[in-house]
N, C-alpha and C. Protein backbone atom coordinates (compact mmCIF):
# COMPACT_ATOMS: atom_id res chain seq x y z
N MET A 1 190.32 140.30 92.10
CA MET A 1 191.41 139.84 91.06
C MET A 1 190.43 140.85 90.31
N ALA A 2 190.90 141.60 89.30
CA ALA A 2 190.53 142.03 87.87
C ALA A 2 189.08 141.41 87.36
N PRO A 3 188.00 142.16 86.97
CA PRO A 3 188.08 141.10 86.11
C PRO A 3 188.60 141.10 84.57
N LEU A 4 187.88 139.60 84.15
CA LEU A 4 188.43 139.59 82.83
C LEU A 4 187.20 140.74 81.83
N SER A 5 188.28 140.43 80.92
CA SER A 5 187.82 141.21 79.13
C SER A 5 187.78 140.47 78.83
N THR A 6 186.93 140.93 77.23
CA THR A 6 185.94 139.65 76.12
C THR A 6 188.09 138.97 75.49
N THR A 7 188.43 139.76 75.74
CA THR A 7 189.58 139.11 74.78
C THR A 7 189.67 138.01 75.77
N GLN A 8 190.53 138.44 77.06
CA GLN A 8 191.06 137.58 78.01
C GLN A 8 190.40 136.56 77.67
N ALA A 9 188.54 136.48 77.85
CA ALA A 9 187.97 135.52 77.80
C ALA A 9 188.10 134.51 77.09
N GLN A 10 188.38 135.37 75.80
CA GLN A 10 188.20 134.27 74.10
C GLN A 10 189.62 133.43 74.61
N THR A 11 190.66 133.85 74.70
CA THR A 11 191.71 133.42 75.21
C THR A 11 191.76 132.50 75.18
N LEU A 12 191.33 132.56 76.83
CA LEU A 12 191.03 131.06 77.99
C LEU A 12 190.25 130.45 77.47
N THR A 13 189.55 130.92 77.19
CA THR A 13 188.36 129.64 76.29
C THR A 13 188.53 128.74 75.11
N LEU A 14 189.80 129.58 74.24
CA LEU A 14 190.51 128.63 72.74
C LEU A 14 191.56 127.54 73.51
N GLN A 15 192.34 128.43 74.73
CA GLN A 15 193.35 127.74 75.39
C GLN A 15 192.99 126.76 76.35
N HIS A 16 192.27 126.42 76.92
CA HIS A 16 191.61 125.38 78.10
C HIS A 16 190.66 124.29 77.05
N PHE A 17 190.05 125.32 76.14
CA PHE A 17 188.60 124.48 75.83
C PHE A 17 188.99 123.54 74.52
N GLY A 18 189.83 124.81 73.74
CA GLY A 18 189.90 124.58 72.07
C GLY A 18 188.66 125.23 71.56
N ILE A 19 187.72 125.68 72.49
CA ILE A 19 186.39 126.20 71.80
C ILE A 19 187.04 128.08 71.01
N SER A 20 186.42 128.68 69.95
CA SER A 20 186.95 129.65 69.52
C SER A 20 185.37 130.17 68.91
N GLY A 21 185.09 131.58 69.19
CA GLY A 21 184.21 132.01 68.72
C GLY A 21 183.58 133.52 69.19
N GLN A 22 183.21 134.16 68.93
CA GLN A 22 182.76 135.58 69.21
C GLN A 22 182.35 135.37 70.94
N VAL A 23 182.70 136.28 71.34
CA VAL A 23 182.43 136.59 73.05
C VAL A 23 181.61 138.22 73.68
N THR A 24 180.90 137.31 74.28
CA THR A 24 179.97 138.21 74.30
C THR A 24 179.70 138.43 76.49
N GLU A 25 180.02 138.81 77.22
CA GLU A 25 179.91 139.48 78.57
C GLU A 25 178.34 139.96 79.06
N LEU A 26 178.06 138.48 79.72
CA LEU A 26 176.91 138.27 80.50
C LEU A 26 176.45 138.65 82.06
N GLY A 27 175.81 138.54 82.38
CA GLY A 27 175.57 139.21 83.72
C GLY A 27 176.03 138.32 84.66
N GLY A 28 176.33 138.61 85.88
CA GLY A 28 176.70 137.54 86.63
C GLY A 28 176.70 138.27 88.53
N GLU A 29 176.00 136.91 89.28
CA GLU A 29 176.08 137.75 90.85
C GLU A 29 177.17 137.51 91.53
N ARG A 30 177.73 136.47 91.24
CA ARG A 30 179.03 135.83 92.21
C ARG A 30 180.05 135.58 91.25
N THR A 31 179.33 135.44 90.04
CA THR A 31 181.01 134.63 88.64
C THR A 31 180.62 135.67 87.84
N GLN A 32 181.80 135.90 86.79
CA GLN A 32 181.53 136.45 85.28
C GLN A 32 181.34 135.36 84.36
N ASN A 33 180.35 135.86 83.66
CA ASN A 33 179.52 134.75 82.96
C ASN A 33 179.82 135.14 81.16
N PHE A 34 180.35 133.98 79.87
CA PHE A 34 180.29 135.22 78.72
C PHE A 34 179.82 134.15 78.20
N LEU A 35 179.08 134.31 77.28
CA LEU A 35 178.84 133.88 76.30
C LEU A 35 179.96 133.34 74.94
N ILE A 36 180.26 132.55 74.38
CA ILE A 36 180.85 131.72 73.18
C ILE A 36 180.44 131.41 71.91
N ARG A 37 179.95 132.35 70.98
CA ARG A 37 179.11 131.77 70.23
C ARG A 37 179.94 131.11 68.78
N THR A 38 180.45 129.83 68.96
CA THR A 38 181.01 129.72 67.20
C THR A 38 180.51 129.84 66.58
N VAL A 39 181.39 129.75 65.04
CA VAL A 39 181.20 129.65 63.82
C VAL A 39 179.42 129.05 63.56
N ASP A 40 179.63 127.63 63.91
CA ASP A 40 178.61 127.16 63.49
C ASP A 40 177.08 127.43 64.59
N GLY A 41 176.74 128.51 65.09
CA GLY A 41 176.63 128.62 65.94
C GLY A 41 176.21 127.65 67.21
N SER A 42 176.94 127.15 67.49
CA SER A 42 176.91 126.42 69.12
C SER A 42 176.98 127.79 70.23
N GLY A 43 176.62 127.50 71.00
CA GLY A 43 176.52 128.34 71.99
C GLY A 43 177.02 128.07 73.86
N PHE A 44 178.36 128.30 74.10
CA PHE A 44 178.72 128.27 75.60
C PHE A 44 179.20 128.99 76.19
N THR A 45 178.77 129.07 78.14
CA THR A 45 178.51 129.79 78.60
C THR A 45 180.37 129.56 79.33
N LEU A 46 181.17 130.75 79.55
CA LEU A 46 182.15 130.28 80.45
C LEU A 46 181.83 130.90 81.86
N LYS A 47 182.08 130.42 83.23
CA LYS A 47 181.84 130.72 83.93
C LYS A 47 183.02 131.53 85.09
N VAL A 48 183.31 132.07 84.71
CA VAL A 48 184.52 132.47 85.99
C VAL A 48 184.36 133.01 87.60
N SER A 49 184.80 131.95 88.50
CA SER A 49 184.27 132.19 89.57
C SER A 49 185.39 133.05 90.10
N ASP A 50 184.92 133.70 91.36
CA ASP A 50 185.80 134.77 91.93
C ASP A 50 186.84 133.47 92.54
N PRO A 51 188.08 134.09 92.64
CA PRO A 51 188.85 133.40 93.31
C PRO A 51 188.53 133.18 95.09
N LEU A 52 188.05 133.85 95.68
CA LEU A 52 187.47 134.09 96.72
C LEU A 52 186.33 132.99 97.35
N GLU A 53 185.66 132.54 96.14
CA GLU A 53 184.92 131.76 96.23
C GLU A 53 184.94 130.55 96.57
N SER A 54 184.39 129.28 97.33
CA SER A 54 184.78 128.20 98.21
C SER A 54 185.10 127.06 96.36
N LEU A 55 185.97 126.53 96.79
CA LEU A 55 186.52 125.61 95.75
C LEU A 55 185.44 124.20 95.60
N ASP A 56 184.86 124.37 96.78
CA ASP A 56 184.00 123.48 97.02
C ASP A 56 182.41 123.50 96.44
N GLY A 57 182.30 125.05 96.38
CA GLY A 57 180.93 125.03 96.16
C GLY A 57 181.00 124.91 94.50
N VAL A 58 182.03 125.45 93.52
CA VAL A 58 181.96 125.25 92.24
C VAL A 58 182.27 123.48 92.30
N GLU A 59 182.57 122.82 92.57
CA GLU A 59 183.01 121.38 92.54
C GLU A 59 181.63 121.06 92.63
N LEU A 60 180.59 121.17 93.91
CA LEU A 60 179.62 120.78 93.79
C LEU A 60 178.87 121.64 92.16
N GLU A 61 178.91 122.20 92.22
CA GLU A 61 177.83 122.55 90.93
C GLU A 61 178.51 122.03 89.53
N SER A 62 179.04 121.74 89.75
CA SER A 62 179.89 120.83 88.12
C SER A 62 179.43 119.54 88.68
N ALA A 63 179.56 118.78 89.68
CA ALA A 63 178.90 117.13 89.66
C ALA A 63 177.27 117.18 89.88
N ALA A 64 176.57 118.26 90.49
CA ALA A 64 175.17 118.18 89.93
C ALA A 64 174.80 118.14 88.47
N LEU A 65 175.62 119.10 88.11
CA LEU A 65 175.33 119.05 86.59
C LEU A 65 175.60 117.63 85.77
N LEU A 66 177.00 117.29 85.99
CA LEU A 66 177.10 116.05 85.43
C LEU A 66 176.19 114.78 85.95
N HIS A 67 175.70 114.93 87.15
CA HIS A 67 175.50 113.62 87.55
C HIS A 67 173.44 113.96 87.08
N ILE A 68 172.95 114.92 86.82
CA ILE A 68 171.91 115.63 85.58
C ILE A 68 171.73 115.15 83.87
N GLU A 69 173.05 115.19 83.94
CA GLU A 69 173.42 114.58 82.15
C GLU A 69 173.66 113.15 82.74
N SER A 70 174.11 112.45 83.19
CA SER A 70 174.63 111.08 83.50
C SER A 70 173.05 110.36 83.88
N VAL A 71 171.93 110.75 84.58
CA VAL A 71 170.60 109.77 84.77
C VAL A 71 169.50 110.49 83.79
N ALA A 72 169.49 111.90 83.78
CA ALA A 72 168.02 112.25 83.26
C ALA A 72 168.83 112.70 81.56
N PRO A 73 169.21 112.86 80.60
CA PRO A 73 169.55 113.26 79.96
C PRO A 73 168.76 114.65 79.14
N GLU A 74 167.84 114.04 79.19
CA GLU A 74 166.75 114.56 78.78
C GLU A 74 165.85 115.64 79.32
N ILE A 75 166.42 116.09 80.40
CA ILE A 75 166.37 117.27 81.25
C ILE A 75 167.09 118.12 80.80
N THR A 76 166.44 119.46 80.06
CA THR A 76 167.47 120.84 80.05
C THR A 76 167.96 121.59 81.08
N ALA A 77 169.68 121.32 81.20
CA ALA A 77 170.68 121.79 81.86
C ALA A 77 171.80 121.91 81.15
N PRO A 78 172.81 122.78 81.82
CA PRO A 78 173.69 123.22 81.56
C PRO A 78 174.66 122.05 81.11
N ARG A 79 174.99 121.90 80.49
CA ARG A 79 176.22 121.07 80.00
C ARG A 79 177.94 121.09 80.82
N VAL A 80 178.23 120.79 81.06
CA VAL A 80 179.73 120.77 81.56
C VAL A 80 180.66 120.13 80.64
N VAL A 81 181.55 121.54 79.71
CA VAL A 81 182.68 120.80 78.93
C VAL A 81 184.13 120.92 80.18
N GLN A 82 184.67 119.43 79.29
CA GLN A 82 185.81 119.09 79.76
C GLN A 82 187.17 119.48 78.93
N ALA A 83 188.28 120.48 80.04
CA ALA A 83 189.22 120.82 79.48
C ALA A 83 189.99 120.15 78.49
N LEU A 84 190.95 120.53 77.89
CA LEU A 84 191.57 120.03 77.23
C LEU A 84 192.49 118.89 77.95
N ASP A 85 192.99 119.76 79.17
CA ASP A 85 193.77 118.54 80.37
C ASP A 85 192.85 117.44 80.20
N GLY A 86 191.86 117.36 80.67
CA GLY A 86 190.61 117.06 81.16
C GLY A 86 189.97 116.82 82.74
N GLU A 87 190.27 118.03 82.98
CA GLU A 87 189.54 118.63 84.53
C GLU A 87 187.99 118.54 83.68
């Protein structure tokens, strides 16, 4: 799969999460990462996994972050944003 452009990342973020903002590409070893900065100054990271990456690994990372948020919300850790379709 070819890397996404910042324009494509911006479109996907709006379509799937309802979040609009300025997009900056970030570094990443196995994922493509983008910083989405909204008008109000909030920041979100869009992570795009390689299609060859195990879905189990991606789901495990999300589950771990959700667990941290539920049992220890005071810990500074990335928060998972639910997609508009509920995923």
